[in-house]
Protein backbone atom coordinates (compact mmCIF):
# COMPACT_ATOMS: atom_id res chain seq x y z
CA SER A 1 125.19 125.65 65.90
CA LYS A 2 121.59 124.94 66.87
CA ARG A 3 119.63 123.81 69.86
CA MET A 4 116.59 121.91 68.55
CA LEU A 5 113.53 120.71 70.48
CA LEU A 6 111.49 117.83 69.02
CA VAL A 7 108.06 117.74 70.66
CA GLY A 8 105.19 115.31 70.41
CA ASN A 9 102.50 113.66 72.50
CA ALA A 10 103.03 110.16 73.85
CA GLY A 11 103.44 107.57 71.09
CA MET A 12 104.09 110.05 68.28
CA GLY A 13 107.46 108.52 67.40
CA LYS A 14 110.03 110.89 68.90
CA SER A 15 112.44 108.06 69.71
CA CYS A 16 111.85 106.41 66.32
CA ILE A 17 112.76 109.63 64.52
CA SER A 18 115.86 110.03 66.69
CA LYS A 19 116.99 106.48 65.97
CA GLU A 20 116.30 106.96 62.27
CA PHE A 21 118.70 109.92 62.32
CA LEU A 22 121.26 107.63 63.92
CA ARG A 23 120.65 104.76 61.49
CA THR A 24 120.93 106.88 58.33
CA TRP A 25 124.16 108.41 59.65
CA ALA A 26 125.60 104.95 60.47
CA GLU A 27 124.75 103.82 56.92
CA GLY A 28 126.50 106.85 55.46
CA LYS A 29 123.26 108.36 54.15
CA ASN A 30 123.20 111.50 56.33
CA ASP A 31 124.92 114.40 54.59
CA HIS A 32 124.34 116.91 57.40
CA TYR A 33 126.48 115.47 60.17
CA ARG A 34 129.79 113.65 60.31
CA CYS A 35 128.97 112.25 63.73
CA ILE A 36 125.74 111.69 65.68
CA ILE A 37 125.79 110.74 69.36
CA TYR A 38 122.55 109.29 70.74
CA LEU A 39 121.90 109.41 74.50
CA THR A 40 118.65 108.52 76.23
CA PHE A 41 117.52 110.04 79.48
CA GLN A 42 117.05 106.46 80.65
CA GLU A 43 120.84 106.12 80.44
CA LEU A 44 121.38 109.51 82.06
CA ASN A 45 119.12 108.57 84.98
CA LEU A 46 121.63 105.90 85.97
CA ILE A 47 124.37 108.51 86.54
CA GLU A 48 124.38 109.42 90.22
CA GLN A 49 127.84 110.93 90.63
CA GLU A 50 129.14 114.17 89.14
CA ILE A 51 130.44 113.70 85.62
CA SER A 52 132.17 115.79 82.94
CA VAL A 53 131.26 115.92 79.25
CA LYS A 54 134.50 114.10 78.46
CA GLU A 55 133.68 111.30 80.90
CA LEU A 56 130.09 111.08 79.63
CA LEU A 57 131.19 110.59 76.03
CA GLU A 58 133.96 108.17 76.92
CA GLU A 59 131.49 106.16 78.99
CA LYS A 60 129.36 105.83 75.84
CA CYS A 61 132.37 104.81 73.76
CA GLU A 62 136.04 104.80 74.76
CA PHE A 63 137.22 106.93 71.83
CA LEU A 64 134.13 109.09 71.39
CA PHE A 65 135.53 112.19 73.08
CA SER A 66 137.84 112.77 70.11
CA VAL A 67 134.84 113.88 67.99
CA LEU A 68 134.87 117.17 69.90
CA THR A 69 138.10 117.99 68.07
CA LEU A 70 136.37 117.98 64.66
CA GLU A 71 137.55 120.90 62.54
CA ASN A 72 133.95 122.00 62.08
CA PRO A 73 131.98 121.42 65.34
CA ASP A 74 128.75 122.02 63.40
CA ASP A 75 129.30 118.54 61.90
CA LEU A 76 128.44 116.99 65.28
CA LEU A 77 124.91 116.33 66.59
CA ILE A 78 124.12 115.11 70.10
CA ILE A 79 120.58 113.71 70.52
CA LEU A 80 119.14 113.67 74.04
CA ASP A 81 116.01 111.51 73.80
CA GLY A 82 113.15 111.54 76.32
CA LEU A 83 113.48 114.58 78.58
CA ASP A 84 110.06 113.72 80.03
CA GLU A 85 111.66 110.54 81.46
CA PHE A 86 114.47 112.42 83.25
CA LYS A 87 114.14 111.84 86.97
CA TYR A 88 116.13 114.98 87.87
CA ASP A 89 114.99 118.60 87.58
CA LEU A 90 116.89 120.73 85.10
CA ASN A 91 119.02 123.32 86.86
CA PHE A 92 119.49 126.54 84.93
CA ASP A 93 120.61 128.53 87.99
CA ASN A 94 124.04 126.97 88.46
CA GLN A 95 126.53 129.84 88.35
CA SER A 96 129.71 127.78 88.02
CA SER A 97 132.49 129.88 86.50
CA ARG A 98 133.93 126.82 84.74
CA ASN A 99 132.17 125.52 81.70
CA ASP A 100 134.80 123.27 80.13
CA VAL A 101 134.55 119.64 79.06
CA ASP A 102 136.78 118.42 81.91
CA THR A 103 134.78 119.91 84.80
CA PRO A 104 132.42 117.42 86.48
CA PHE A 105 128.84 118.49 87.23
CA PRO A 106 125.72 116.79 88.59
CA ILE A 107 124.03 115.24 85.56
CA SER A 108 121.05 117.63 85.83
CA VAL A 109 123.41 120.62 85.69
CA LEU A 110 125.44 119.16 82.83
CA ILE A 111 122.31 118.62 80.70
CA SER A 112 121.06 122.10 81.58
CA LYS A 113 124.38 123.61 80.46
CA LEU A 114 124.26 121.67 77.19
CA ILE A 115 120.80 123.10 76.50
CA THR A 116 121.78 126.69 77.35
CA LYS A 117 125.06 126.48 75.34
CA ASP A 118 127.19 127.03 78.43
CA LEU A 119 128.78 123.73 77.44
CA LEU A 120 129.76 122.84 73.86
CA PRO A 121 128.21 125.99 72.35
CA ALA A 122 129.55 125.24 68.86
CA ILE A 123 127.90 121.83 68.36
CA ASN A 124 124.29 120.91 67.58
CA VAL A 125 122.01 119.42 70.24
CA MET A 126 118.53 117.96 69.72
CA VAL A 127 116.27 117.22 72.71
CA THR A 128 113.01 115.22 72.48
CA THR A 129 110.16 115.49 74.96
CA ARG A 130 106.39 115.41 75.45
CA TRP A 131 104.42 118.64 75.25
CA ASN A 132 103.85 119.04 78.98
CA PHE A 133 107.59 119.49 79.56
CA VAL A 134 108.06 122.34 77.06
CA SER A 135 106.97 125.21 79.32
CA ASN A 136 109.82 127.69 79.99
CA LEU A 137 112.20 125.70 77.76
CA GLU A 138 111.46 127.18 74.33
CA LYS A 139 113.64 130.26 74.87
CA TYR A 140 116.76 128.10 74.92
CA PHE A 141 116.13 126.52 71.53
CA THR A 142 116.77 127.80 68.01
CA PHE A 143 113.55 126.19 66.86
CA VAL A 144 110.87 123.78 68.04
CA CYS A 145 109.65 120.95 65.79
CA VAL A 146 106.21 119.46 66.44
CA ILE A 147 105.32 115.89 65.40
CA LYS A 148 101.69 115.92 64.31
CA GLY A 149 101.30 112.21 63.51
CA PHE A 150 100.19 110.36 60.35
CA ASP A 151 97.77 111.84 57.84
CA ASP A 152 95.31 109.50 56.09
CA GLN A 153 97.72 108.68 53.28
CA GLN A 154 100.50 107.85 55.75
CA ILE A 155 98.16 105.62 57.79
CA LYS A 156 97.46 103.65 54.61
CA GLN A 157 101.18 103.49 53.78
CA TYR A 158 101.91 102.18 57.28
CA PHE A 159 99.48 99.28 56.96
CA ASP A 160 100.51 98.64 53.34
CA HIS A 161 104.05 98.17 54.62
CA PHE A 162 103.36 96.04 57.69
CA CYS A 163 100.12 94.24 56.79
CA GLU A 164 100.28 93.82 53.05
CA ASP A 165 97.61 91.09 52.88
CA GLN A 166 95.18 92.80 55.25
CA SER A 167 95.99 96.41 54.49
CA GLU A 168 92.83 97.28 52.55
CA SER A 169 90.46 95.66 55.06
CA ILE A 170 92.23 97.30 58.03
CA TYR A 171 92.18 100.73 56.39
CA ASP A 172 88.48 100.31 55.52
CA PHE A 173 87.82 99.34 59.14
CA ILE A 174 89.65 102.46 60.37
CA LYS A 175 87.63 104.76 58.10
CA LYS A 176 84.30 103.05 58.80
CA ASN A 177 84.76 103.25 62.58
CA ASN A 178 86.26 106.78 62.67
CA LEU A 179 89.59 105.58 64.06
CA SER A 180 91.77 107.81 61.88
CA ASP A 181 92.51 110.19 64.76
CA PHE A 182 93.95 107.37 66.87
CA ALA A 183 95.61 105.66 63.92
CA SER A 184 97.41 108.97 63.27
CA VAL A 185 99.44 108.21 66.42
CA PRO A 186 102.14 105.71 65.33
CA LEU A 187 102.02 103.81 68.65
CA TYR A 188 98.25 103.25 68.32
CA SER A 189 98.68 102.12 64.70
CA PHE A 190 101.19 99.55 65.95
CA MET A 191 98.77 98.44 68.66
CA LEU A 192 95.84 98.24 66.24
CA ARG A 193 97.94 96.04 63.96
CA GLN A 194 98.71 93.69 66.86
CA ILE A 195 95.07 93.66 68.06
CA ILE A 196 93.76 92.67 64.63
CA LYS A 197 96.60 90.22 64.04
CA ASN A 198 95.90 88.33 67.29
CA HIS A 199 92.23 87.67 66.40
CA VAL A 200 91.29 87.73 70.10
CA THR A 201 89.41 91.00 70.58
CA SER A 202 85.68 90.97 69.80
CA LYS A 203 84.28 93.05 66.95
CA LYS A 204 82.20 95.01 69.46
CA ALA A 205 85.31 95.91 71.45
CA LEU A 206 87.15 96.90 68.27
CA LYS A 207 84.40 99.35 67.41
CA ASN A 208 84.62 100.80 70.92
CA LEU A 209 88.20 102.11 70.62
CA LYS A 210 87.19 105.69 71.44
CA THR A 211 89.91 106.72 73.89
CA SER A 212 93.58 106.17 74.68
CA SER A 213 92.73 104.00 77.68
CA ARG A 214 90.43 101.78 75.62
CA PHE A 215 93.14 101.38 73.00
CA MET A 216 95.66 100.42 75.66
CA ILE A 217 93.37 97.96 77.46
CA GLN A 218 92.38 96.23 74.22
CA PHE A 219 96.07 95.91 73.33
CA LEU A 220 96.70 94.39 76.74
CA LYS A 221 93.73 91.99 76.44
CA SER A 222 94.70 91.04 72.90
CA CYS A 223 98.31 90.17 73.75
CA LEU A 224 97.39 88.27 76.91
CA GLY A 225 94.50 86.49 75.23
CA ASN A 226 96.74 85.46 72.36
CA ASN A 227 99.25 84.08 74.86
CA VAL A 228 96.55 81.96 76.54
CA LYS A 229 95.29 80.79 73.14
CA ASP A 230 98.78 79.70 72.05
CA ARG A 231 99.39 77.79 75.25
CA ARG A 232 96.11 75.90 74.93
CA ARG A 233 96.88 75.13 71.29
CA PHE A 234 100.23 73.59 72.26
CA HIS A 235 98.70 71.76 75.27
CA ILE A 236 100.88 73.54 77.81
CA LYS A 237 99.73 72.28 81.18
CA GLU A 238 101.13 74.97 83.49
CA PRO A 239 98.45 77.38 84.77
CA ALA A 240 97.81 80.04 82.16
CA THR A 241 94.26 80.94 82.95
CA GLU A 242 92.79 84.40 82.56
CA LYS A 243 92.62 84.69 86.36
CA ASN A 244 96.34 84.05 86.75
CA MET A 245 97.06 86.51 83.96
CA GLU A 246 94.98 89.19 85.64
CA ASP A 247 96.76 88.64 88.95
CA SER A 248 100.09 88.98 87.14
CA VAL A 249 98.90 92.20 85.48
CA ARG A 250 98.03 93.71 88.86
CA GLN A 251 101.35 92.62 90.34
CA LEU A 252 103.19 94.17 87.41
CA GLY A 253 101.00 97.23 87.88
CA GLU A 254 102.10 97.64 91.48
CA ILE A 255 105.76 97.40 90.43
CA SER A 256 105.14 99.84 87.56
CA TYR A 257 103.41 102.38 89.81
CA LYS A 258 106.38 102.36 92.19
CA ASN A 259 108.73 102.68 89.21
CA LEU A 260 106.69 105.60 87.86
CA LEU A 261 107.05 107.50 91.13
CA SER A 262 110.73 106.68 91.59
CA GLY A 263 111.73 107.36 87.98
CA GLN A 264 112.87 103.76 87.55
CA LEU A 265 112.58 102.82 83.87
CA THR A 266 113.12 99.07 84.14
CA VAL A 267 111.63 96.17 86.08
CA ASN A 268 114.09 94.61 88.50
CA ALA A 269 114.28 90.81 88.81
CA ASN A 270 114.29 91.15 92.61
CA ASP A 271 111.06 93.15 92.52
CA LEU A 272 109.49 90.46 90.35
CA LYS A 273 110.37 87.86 92.96
CA LYS A 274 108.93 89.97 95.80
CA HIS A 275 105.61 90.14 93.95
CA GLY A 276 105.44 86.44 93.17
CA LEU A 277 106.54 86.80 89.55
CA SER A 278 109.52 85.34 87.74
CA GLU A 279 111.76 86.37 84.88
CA LYS A 280 110.13 83.58 82.89
CA ASP A 281 106.73 85.29 83.29
CA LEU A 282 108.02 88.39 81.53
CA THR A 283 109.82 86.56 78.73
CA LYS A 284 107.00 84.07 78.04
CA LYS A 285 103.75 85.82 78.95
CA PHE A 286 104.56 89.52 78.70
CA SER A 287 107.07 89.68 75.86
CA CYS A 288 104.81 92.17 74.00
CA PHE A 289 105.40 94.69 76.80
CA PHE A 290 109.05 94.22 77.78
CA HIS A 291 112.35 93.99 75.98
CA LYS A 292 114.60 91.04 76.66
CA LYS A 293 116.79 91.14 79.72
CA HIS A 294 118.88 94.29 80.22
CA PRO A 295 122.65 93.84 79.58
CA ASP A 296 123.34 93.83 83.33
CA GLY A 297 121.24 90.67 83.62
CA LYS A 298 118.92 92.02 86.32
CA HIS A 299 116.44 94.30 84.58
CA PHE A 300 113.72 94.24 81.92
CA GLU A 301 112.97 97.35 79.87
CA TYR A 302 109.46 98.57 79.10
CA ARG A 303 108.95 98.69 75.34
CA HIS A 304 107.47 102.17 75.73
CA THR A 305 106.88 104.56 78.63
CA MET A 306 103.13 104.26 78.00
CA ILE A 307 103.36 100.54 78.81
CA LYS A 308 104.60 101.42 82.28
CA GLU A 309 101.85 104.04 82.64
CA MET A 310 99.25 101.52 81.48
CA PHE A 311 100.19 98.85 84.04
CA ALA A 312 100.44 101.48 86.81
CA ALA A 313 97.06 103.03 85.96
CA PHE A 314 95.35 99.64 85.75
CA TYR A 315 96.65 98.70 89.19
CA CYS A 316 95.61 102.00 90.80
CA ALA A 317 92.14 101.88 89.25
CA HIS A 318 91.69 98.38 90.69
CA VAL A 319 92.84 99.13 94.27
CA VAL A 320 91.68 102.72 94.87
CA ARG A 321 88.72 102.98 97.24
CA ASP A 322 85.78 105.31 96.66
CA ASP A 323 86.69 107.43 99.69
CA GLU A 324 90.32 107.74 98.51
CA LEU A 325 89.59 108.88 94.96
CA LYS A 326 89.51 112.66 95.51
CA GLU A 327 92.70 112.80 97.57
CA CYS A 328 94.53 110.65 95.01
CA LEU A 329 93.45 112.91 92.15
CA ASP A 330 94.39 116.01 94.17
CA ALA A 331 97.87 114.61 94.68
CA TRP A 332 98.45 113.29 91.14
CA VAL A 333 96.88 116.20 89.24
CA ARG A 334 97.04 119.30 91.47
CA GLY A 335 100.10 118.49 93.55
CA ILE A 336 98.09 118.76 96.78
CA ILE A 337 99.44 116.18 99.20
CA PRO A 338 97.24 115.58 102.29
CA PRO A 339 99.16 115.60 105.61
CA SER A 340 97.70 112.23 106.56
CA ALA A 341 96.60 110.41 103.40
CA LYS A 342 94.07 107.59 103.61
CA SER A 343 95.40 105.85 100.52
CA LYS A 344 98.60 103.79 100.50
CA LEU A 345 98.93 104.90 96.87
CA LEU A 346 100.13 108.30 98.09
CA SER A 347 102.90 107.15 100.42
CA ASP A 348 105.66 108.10 97.95
CA VAL A 349 103.89 110.88 95.99
CA THR A 350 105.22 114.45 96.14
CA ALA A 351 104.08 117.69 94.53
CA ASP A 352 106.97 117.30 92.07
CA HIS A 353 105.28 114.26 90.49
CA LYS A 354 102.51 116.37 88.88
CA LEU A 355 104.08 116.62 85.40
CA LEU A 356 105.19 112.99 85.36
CA LEU A 357 101.70 111.69 86.07
CA GLU A 358 99.59 113.49 83.45
CA ASN A 359 99.31 110.64 80.96
CA PHE A 360 99.09 108.07 83.75
CA THR A 361 96.09 109.96 85.20
CA ARG A 362 94.35 110.04 81.81
CA LEU A 363 94.67 106.25 81.59
CA PHE A 364 93.61 105.88 85.23
CA MET A 365 90.36 107.73 84.46
CA GLY A 366 89.64 105.41 81.56
CA PHE A 367 90.41 102.31 83.64
CA LEU A 368 88.13 103.30 86.55
CA SER A 369 85.12 101.55 85.04
CA ILE A 370 87.23 98.49 84.18
CA GLY A 371 88.56 98.44 87.75
CA ASN A 372 84.96 97.87 88.86
CA SER A 373 84.59 94.82 86.61
CA SER A 374 85.05 91.32 87.89
CA SER A 375 87.26 90.40 84.94
CA LEU A 376 89.85 92.12 82.79
CA HIS A 377 88.09 90.59 79.80
CA ASP A 378 84.73 92.14 80.69
CA ASP A 379 83.94 94.97 78.24
CA ARG A 380 80.78 96.02 80.09
CA GLY A 381 82.38 98.01 82.92
CA THR A 382 80.61 101.22 84.00
CA LEU A 383 81.29 103.81 86.67
CA LYS A 384 79.69 103.09 90.03
CA GLY A 385 77.44 105.76 91.53
CA PRO A 386 79.78 106.77 94.40
CA ILE A 387 82.77 107.05 92.07
CA LYS A 388 80.76 109.13 89.61
CA LYS A 389 79.62 111.46 92.41
CA ASN A 390 83.16 111.87 93.74
CA LEU A 391 84.51 112.58 90.26
CA ILE A 392 81.93 115.28 89.54
CA GLU A 393 82.63 116.97 92.89
CA TRP A 394 86.37 116.79 92.31
CA PHE A 395 86.13 118.31 88.81
CA GLN A 396 83.87 121.11 90.05
CA ASP A 397 86.30 121.87 92.88
CA TRP A 398 89.28 121.95 90.49
CA LEU A 399 87.43 124.34 88.19
CA GLN A 400 87.36 126.91 90.99
CA GLU A 401 91.09 127.45 90.32
CA ASP A 402 92.50 129.67 87.59
CA LEU A 403 93.62 126.81 85.35
CA SER A 404 96.52 127.08 82.91
CA SER A 405 95.94 125.97 79.31
CA ASP A 406 97.83 122.74 80.08
CA ASP A 407 95.60 122.02 83.09
CA PHE A 408 92.47 122.82 81.11
CA LEU A 409 93.42 120.49 78.30
CA ASN A 410 94.18 117.76 80.82
CA LEU A 411 90.81 118.27 82.48
CA LEU A 412 89.06 117.83 79.13
CA HIS A 413 91.08 114.67 78.48
CA TYR A 414 90.13 113.25 81.88
CA VAL A 415 86.44 113.76 81.10
CA PHE A 416 86.94 112.30 77.63
CA GLU A 417 88.65 109.16 78.95
CA LEU A 418 85.75 108.52 81.35
CA GLN A 419 83.29 108.46 78.42
CA ASP A 420 80.43 109.12 80.83
CA SER A 421 77.80 111.56 79.57
CA ASP A 422 76.55 112.34 83.10
CA VAL A 423 80.02 113.40 84.22
CA ALA A 424 80.62 115.38 81.02
CA GLN A 425 77.33 117.27 81.33
CA SER A 426 77.74 117.97 85.05
CA VAL A 427 81.27 119.30 84.56
CA SER A 428 80.72 121.28 81.37
CA VAL A 429 78.14 123.63 82.93
CA TYR A 430 80.97 125.01 85.08
CA ILE A 431 83.14 125.81 82.05
CA LYS A 432 82.48 129.27 80.55
CA ASN A 433 85.84 130.32 79.15
CA ILE A 434 88.44 128.25 77.33
CA ILE A 435 91.84 129.80 76.69
CA LEU A 436 94.15 127.44 74.80
CA PHE A 437 96.39 130.16 73.36
CA ASN A 438 99.55 128.81 71.71
CA LYS A 439 98.64 125.22 72.59
CA PRO A 440 98.95 123.07 69.44
CA LEU A 441 96.06 120.61 69.40
CA GLY A 442 96.36 117.15 67.93
CA ALA A 443 93.47 115.09 66.57
CA ILE A 444 92.83 113.36 69.92
CA ASP A 445 92.95 116.71 71.74
CA VAL A 446 90.19 117.95 69.45
CA GLN A 447 88.15 114.82 70.15
CA ALA A 448 88.51 115.49 73.87
CA LEU A 449 87.26 119.05 73.35
CA CYS A 450 84.28 117.87 71.32
CA PHE A 451 83.18 115.17 73.78
CA SER A 452 83.66 117.20 76.94
CA LEU A 453 81.98 120.39 75.68
CA LYS A 454 79.31 119.14 73.30
CA GLU A 455 76.46 120.43 75.51
CA ASN A 456 78.29 123.60 76.56
CA LYS A 457 77.61 127.23 75.66
CA LEU A 458 80.94 128.97 76.04
CA GLU A 459 81.26 132.68 76.65
CA LYS A 460 84.82 132.87 75.35
CA LEU A 461 86.81 130.52 73.15
CA ASN A 462 90.42 131.40 72.33
CA LEU A 463 92.11 128.95 69.94
CA THR A 464 94.89 131.28 68.80
CA LEU A 465 97.95 129.39 67.55
CA CYS A 466 96.35 125.98 68.07
CA GLU A 467 97.32 124.50 64.67
CA LEU A 468 93.88 123.01 64.14
CA GLY A 469 93.85 122.55 60.39
CA ASP A 470 90.72 122.09 58.27
CA LYS A 471 89.76 118.80 59.95
CA GLY A 472 90.03 120.20 63.46
CA MET A 473 87.89 123.18 62.54
CA GLU A 474 85.24 120.90 61.07
CA GLN A 475 85.17 118.80 64.26
CA LEU A 476 84.82 121.93 66.43
CA ARG A 477 82.02 123.46 64.36
CA ASP A 478 79.33 122.81 66.99
CA ILE A 479 81.42 124.19 69.85
CA ILE A 480 82.19 127.33 67.85
CA THR A 481 78.53 127.65 66.90
CA ASN A 482 77.45 127.40 70.53
CA SER A 483 79.85 130.09 71.70
CA ILE A 484 77.81 133.15 72.55
CA THR A 485 80.46 135.86 72.27
CA ARG A 486 83.90 135.97 70.75
CA ASN A 487 85.89 133.28 68.97
CA LEU A 488 89.58 133.92 68.37
CA LEU A 489 90.89 131.54 65.71
CA ARG A 490 94.08 133.25 64.62
CA TRP A 491 97.01 131.27 63.26
CA CYS A 492 95.30 127.88 63.30
CA LEU A 493 97.37 126.72 60.28
CA LEU A 494 94.39 125.86 58.10
CA VAL A 495 96.37 124.28 55.26
CA GLY A 496 94.95 124.86 51.80
CA PHE A 497 91.32 125.68 51.11
CA PHE A 498 89.47 126.95 54.17
CA CYS A 499 86.53 124.70 53.44
CA ILE A 500 84.39 125.21 56.52
CA LYS A 501 81.27 127.28 56.00
CA LEU A 502 81.92 129.46 59.03
CA SER A 503 78.67 131.33 58.50
CA SER A 504 77.01 128.57 60.54
CA ALA A 505 79.30 129.49 63.42
CA PHE A 506 77.95 133.00 63.87
CA LYS A 507 74.86 133.90 65.86
CA PRO A 508 72.58 136.76 64.91
CA ARG A 509 74.12 140.05 65.92
CA SER A 510 71.69 140.54 68.77
CA LEU A 511 73.36 137.67 70.65
CA CYS A 512 76.91 138.98 70.20
CA THR A 513 78.65 141.96 71.71
CA SER A 514 81.40 142.29 69.11
CA VAL A 515 82.71 139.51 66.92
CA GLU A 516 86.35 139.52 65.95
CA ILE A 517 87.77 136.78 63.76
CA ARG A 518 91.52 136.31 63.33
CA LEU A 519 92.70 134.03 60.54
CA SER A 520 96.21 135.32 59.95
CA SER A 521 98.96 132.95 58.81
CA ASN A 522 96.59 130.19 57.72
CA LYS A 523 97.68 129.62 54.10
CA LEU A 524 94.27 130.68 52.80
CA SER A 525 94.11 130.68 49.01
CA GLU A 526 91.78 132.48 46.60
CA LYS A 527 89.25 129.72 47.35
CA GLY A 528 89.48 130.73 50.99
CA GLY A 529 88.74 134.29 49.87
CA ALA A 530 85.63 133.01 48.08
CA THR A 531 84.43 131.22 51.22
CA LEU A 532 85.05 134.29 53.38
CA SER A 533 83.09 136.28 50.82
CA GLU A 534 80.09 133.97 51.23
CA ILE A 535 80.32 134.29 55.00
CA LEU A 536 80.45 138.10 54.90
CA GLN A 537 77.41 138.20 52.61
CA ASP A 538 75.31 136.07 54.97
CA PRO A 539 72.62 138.27 56.63
CA LYS A 540 73.35 136.61 60.00
CA CYS A 541 77.04 137.46 59.84
CA ALA A 542 78.03 139.60 62.85
CA ILE A 543 81.74 139.99 62.14
CA GLU A 544 82.90 143.55 62.84
CA LYS A 545 86.62 142.91 62.56
CA LEU A 546 88.30 140.44 60.22
CA ILE A 547 92.06 139.92 60.25
CA ILE A 548 93.35 137.72 57.43
CA GLY A 549 96.93 138.91 57.03
CA THR A 550 99.83 136.74 55.84
CA ASN A 551 97.83 134.40 53.61
CA HIS A 552 97.75 133.67 49.87
CA LEU A 553 94.51 135.29 48.72
CA GLY A 554 96.05 136.91 45.65
CA PRO A 555 94.19 139.34 43.36
CA VAL A 556 91.34 136.88 42.74
CA GLY A 557 90.75 136.44 46.47
CA ALA A 558 90.71 140.22 46.83
CA LYS A 559 87.98 140.43 44.19
CA HIS A 560 85.89 137.93 46.14
CA LEU A 561 86.20 140.08 49.26
CA TRP A 562 85.31 143.22 47.33
CA LYS A 563 82.08 141.56 46.20
CA ALA A 564 81.23 140.88 49.85
CA LEU A 565 81.99 144.44 50.94
CA GLU A 566 79.38 145.75 48.50
CA LYS A 567 76.65 143.97 50.49
CA ASN A 568 78.03 143.90 54.05
CA SER A 569 77.27 146.88 56.30
CA ILE A 570 78.44 145.32 59.59
CA LEU A 571 82.16 144.85 58.96
CA LYS A 572 84.13 147.83 60.25
CA THR A 573 87.75 146.67 60.03
CA LEU A 574 89.46 144.44 57.48
CA HIS A 575 93.20 143.56 57.58
CA VAL A 576 94.55 141.98 54.39
CA TYR A 577 98.27 142.73 54.69
CA ASP A 578 100.86 140.38 53.17
CA ASN A 579 98.47 138.53 50.83
CA ASP A 580 100.13 138.99 47.42
CA ILE A 581 97.06 140.78 46.12
CA GLU A 582 99.31 142.83 43.79
CA ASP A 583 98.29 146.04 42.02
CA GLU A 584 95.16 144.47 40.54
CA GLY A 585 93.85 143.36 43.92
CA THR A 586 94.78 146.66 45.56
CA ALA A 587 92.92 148.61 42.89
CA THR A 588 89.86 146.41 43.38
CA MET A 589 89.86 146.95 47.15
CA VAL A 590 90.35 150.72 46.80
CA GLU A 591 87.47 150.87 44.34
C-alpha cells in the first residue's frame, strides 16, 4: 500500500487530476484500482462530531463500507482532495490505543491516522495540497508527485481543444506577449480563454498580464463587463451599471474575507441578504465565479479557492487605510497580532491563519494599486506615496528576521505582484543571501525572482534541488551573473541538453573566493559535456570544484571534458561518478 502526496501551486489542476482518476475508474478504464473513493476537505470541514471510518464511508454512500472487505486491499484508493482547505489542524500526536474502523475520532485525528497508516494501513491513500502545506508531511508519504503545469506543446493542445477556431491566434498572442509562464498554469489558461472570448478587455490590458493579480482582475473585469454588455444588448432595464457591479464585488469580497478566515468554503444565502445581495445576483451576474446552489439549498460554492481569495483580496485592498497597512501585513504574513489592532480587518485573524493567507496576500499586494483607483475598470492604478513608503519599511523590517525558504519566496512574490520598480529596488538592497534549497520553483516563481532581484548583487545563491530546467536557468542568467561568490545549482533537473552558456555567469577569479558548481542528477548528455568543456576552457572561468555525477555524459562527453582539462589550470576537483562513461571514457580521463 502507498501514501501518495500530489502537490502543486494554486490553479495547477490537482482537483482535475483527482476527478480524472475517478472518472476513468467509473468508466471502467482504470486497471490499477477496483474502487476509488473521492473525498474533498470541503466535505470533511462540515463534520463537527467525532466519526469512525465506517461512518465516514457510509455517509458518502450507504453500502460503501463493504469495499474495505476486498480480498486485496491494494485495489482500493481513497483520494483526499485539498488539504490546504482543511479548517482543522492535523493531529499526529493522538496516542489512542484503538485504531480500528469502528472507533470514532475527531475528523482531524481520523485524517491524520489515515495519513500515518494507523488507520487502514493496507489501502492506498492520495492527498492533494498546495506547496506551502507540505512542510513536515513528506515523511509520511511513499512518494511526492509535483504538478509542474503545461509545457508549450500542451498549452497549444489546450487551446486547440477548447478554442479550435481561435487557437492559432491565441497561441501566437501568448508567445508574442511572453505569457507562456502564466498559460502553463491550467487555471490561467482557462481564464485567458474566457477573457479573449468575452471581447471586453482592452488590448493594452491584455498585454499587461504580468502577475497573478493582474490575471485575476482582468478575468473579473471581463466576466462582469460581458454581463453588462449582454444585459444592454437584451434591453434589460434593471440596474446593471458598472458602479452597481463594483459595489456587489466589494460586498462579495467582505463575505469572502470572512469565509477565508473562518474556513467556510461556500457563500450562505443569509450572508448575501445581510450584505444587500440576493441569490439572483449570484446566479445571474456572478455565475462565472460560483457553482449553482448547493444541494442543501442555502449555499453557493466558489468555482475555485482562488476565486474566494480574489474577492477577499480586492475587498481588503479597497478598505485598508494607509496607517493600517503594516499591522495587517504583520498579522497576515508574519502571524504577529497587535494587542489592540487599528484595523477592523484583523478582528478575527489569529497567528494560525498565516499559511491560509499566503496566496490571498499575494493578490492583495497586486490589488493595492487598483484599490486606489476610482473604478474597477480603470487600468491606470498606481501605488500612492504613503502606501509605497509603508510597504518598503515593512519589507525592510521583515528582512531583519531569519526567513525560511517559504517566507523568502513569498516575499519575492509580494514584490513581484506590486510591479513597482521603486519598491523592488529599495527592498533588494537588503537581500544578500538567498537559500531556496529543496524548493521546486515553477515558471512564475522564477519570474518573481527575476523581477525582484534584477538590480541585486547577491553574495550567496543556493538553488539546490529547485527543479529549474533549461528555461528557468536561462531566465536566471543575470541573477547568477551578478552573484559575487558562490552559486549552488545542484539537482536542478535540467532536462536534455544543458544549453546555457554558463561561462557568462562566472566573474573573473579575483572577484570570487572559491567557486563550486554542482550539477548532479540533471540528465546532462554528451552535448552537456561539450558545453561544460567550453565553459572550463574560458579564461574567465573560476570553477575550482565541479560535481556532475549521475548524468548521461557517456564516453563522448568524457572526451569533451578531457579536452578542457588540457587547458584549464584552475579546476582542482572533478566528480563524474555514475555517468556511463564506460571503459573508453575512463581511459580518456585517466590519460
